[in-house]
Amino acid sequence: MRAICYPIIYKGETEIKENLKEEFNTSLALLEQHLNGSKWVAGDNVTIADTTILASLSGIFATGWDLSSFPNIQRWLKNCASLPGYEENEKGAKMFAEAVKKNLKKNRATRLHLGT
């Protein structure tokens, strides 16, 4: 997630590089596989692993990342809605996503204006 968002926020990138999308989706595929047959990341009971992974990934998920190929992650995210602090985390994730989207638009507009 850092490899995708840092260049957008701090270096003026105007798009997400395809190789970074592929690498992130490969990581998501591992999580998807891990959640196969399991309600939570570490089994049938919620653990700190769930809250940590949710906090780490929710910002990029809030940007509208395509999760259609990851039904187990989608199910897990619905389960996560019952966790304490979920709403506060979602609020922060949405703020982060808006900053990323705003910078993508701003950076793209600046690039077009400068003709680069």
Protein backbone atom coordinates (compact mmCIF):
# COMPACT_ATOMS: atom_id res chain seq x y z
CA MET A 1 0.00 0.00 0.00
CA ARG A 2 2.84 2.38 0.83
CA ALA A 3 4.48 1.76 -2.55
CA ILE A 4 1.25 2.82 -4.24
CA CYS A 5 0.14 5.76 -2.10
CA TYR A 6 3.44 7.42 -1.05
CA PRO A 7 4.42 8.46 -4.60
CA ILE A 8 0.94 9.88 -5.20
CA ILE A 9 0.82 11.89 -2.00
CA TYR A 10 4.45 13.00 -1.74
CA LYS A 11 6.02 12.75 -5.19
CA GLY A 12 3.30 13.97 -7.52
CA GLU A 13 2.61 10.66 -9.29
CA THR A 14 -0.45 10.91 -11.51
CA GLU A 15 -1.32 7.24 -11.78
CA ILE A 16 -0.79 3.90 -10.11
CA LYS A 17 1.86 1.94 -11.94
CA GLU A 18 0.63 -1.37 -13.35
CA ASN A 19 3.39 -3.40 -11.67
CA LEU A 20 2.37 -1.98 -8.28
CA LYS A 21 -1.27 -2.90 -8.91
CA GLU A 22 -0.20 -6.43 -9.81
CA GLU A 23 2.03 -6.77 -6.74
CA PHE A 24 -0.72 -5.52 -4.43
CA ASN A 25 -3.28 -7.86 -6.01
CA THR A 26 -0.82 -10.73 -5.53
CA SER A 27 -0.67 -9.86 -1.82
CA LEU A 28 -4.46 -9.71 -1.70
CA ALA A 29 -4.60 -13.13 -3.36
CA LEU A 30 -2.54 -14.52 -0.48
CA LEU A 31 -4.95 -13.00 2.04
CA GLU A 32 -7.87 -14.33 -0.03
CA GLN A 33 -6.40 -17.82 0.07
CA HIS A 34 -5.67 -17.57 3.78
CA LEU A 35 -9.30 -16.62 4.47
CA ASN A 36 -10.60 -19.62 2.52
CA GLY A 37 -12.58 -21.67 5.04
CA SER A 38 -11.83 -19.28 7.88
CA LYS A 39 -14.04 -16.54 9.29
CA TRP A 40 -11.10 -14.47 10.52
CA VAL A 41 -7.45 -14.15 9.52
CA ALA A 42 -6.18 -16.45 12.26
CA GLY A 43 -9.11 -18.88 12.44
CA ASP A 44 -12.65 -18.79 13.74
CA ASN A 45 -12.03 -16.13 16.39
CA VAL A 46 -11.15 -12.52 15.85
CA THR A 47 -7.58 -11.59 16.82
CA ILE A 48 -5.35 -8.57 16.69
CA ALA A 49 -4.31 -9.78 13.24
CA ASP A 50 -7.75 -8.83 11.93
CA THR A 51 -7.67 -5.32 13.37
CA THR A 52 -4.12 -4.76 12.20
CA ILE A 53 -4.75 -5.93 8.65
CA LEU A 54 -8.02 -4.00 8.48
CA ALA A 55 -6.29 -0.81 9.63
CA SER A 56 -3.47 -1.33 7.14
CA LEU A 57 -5.63 -2.04 4.11
CA SER A 58 -8.79 -0.02 4.66
CA GLY A 59 -7.31 3.20 3.26
CA ILE A 60 -6.57 1.71 -0.12
CA PHE A 61 -9.84 -0.21 -0.11
CA ALA A 62 -11.64 3.11 0.46
CA THR A 63 -10.15 4.45 -2.78
CA GLY A 64 -12.37 1.98 -4.60
CA TRP A 65 -9.82 -0.79 -5.14
CA ASP A 66 -11.41 -3.58 -7.14
CA LEU A 67 -12.12 -6.46 -4.77
CA SER A 68 -14.45 -8.34 -7.12
CA SER A 69 -11.91 -11.17 -7.48
CA PHE A 70 -11.62 -11.58 -3.72
CA PRO A 71 -14.92 -12.88 -2.27
CA ASN A 72 -13.28 -14.08 0.95
CA ILE A 73 -11.84 -10.63 1.58
CA GLN A 74 -15.24 -9.08 0.87
CA ARG A 75 -16.84 -11.46 3.39
CA TRP A 76 -14.10 -10.74 5.93
CA LEU A 77 -14.60 -6.99 5.51
CA LYS A 78 -18.31 -7.43 6.28
CA ASN A 79 -17.37 -9.39 9.40
CA CYS A 80 -14.95 -6.62 10.38
CA ALA A 81 -17.86 -4.17 10.54
CA SER A 82 -18.70 -5.73 13.93
CA LEU A 83 -15.30 -4.91 15.42
CA PRO A 84 -14.91 -2.18 18.04
CA GLY A 85 -13.44 0.93 16.43
CA TYR A 86 -14.55 -0.06 12.94
CA GLU A 87 -16.49 3.15 12.31
CA GLU A 88 -13.61 5.33 13.47
CA ASN A 89 -11.23 3.37 11.25
CA GLU A 90 -13.56 3.77 8.26
CA LYS A 91 -13.73 7.52 8.84
CA GLY A 92 -9.93 7.73 8.73
CA ALA A 93 -9.77 5.43 5.70
CA LYS A 94 -12.19 7.64 3.81
CA MET A 95 -10.15 10.75 4.66
CA PHE A 96 -6.99 9.00 3.45
CA ALA A 97 -8.70 7.86 0.25
CA GLU A 98 -9.95 11.37 -0.47
CA ALA A 99 -6.40 12.71 -0.08
CA VAL A 100 -5.08 10.09 -2.51
CA LYS A 101 -7.84 10.78 -5.04
CA LYS A 102 -7.40 14.55 -4.69
CA ASN A 103 -3.65 14.28 -5.27
CA LEU A 104 -4.14 12.04 -8.30
CA LYS A 105 -6.49 14.61 -9.85
CA LYS A 106 -4.31 17.57 -8.84
CA ASN A 107 -1.11 15.93 -10.03
CA ARG A 108 -2.73 14.88 -13.31
CA ALA A 109 -4.12 18.40 -13.88
CA THR A 110 -0.74 20.00 -13.13
CA ARG A 111 0.99 17.59 -15.47
CA LEU A 112 -1.49 18.34 -18.27
CA HIS A 113 -1.17 22.07 -17.67
CA LEU A 114 2.62 21.91 -17.89
CA GLY A 115 2.45 19.72 -20.96
CA THR A 116 4.53 16.94 -19.42
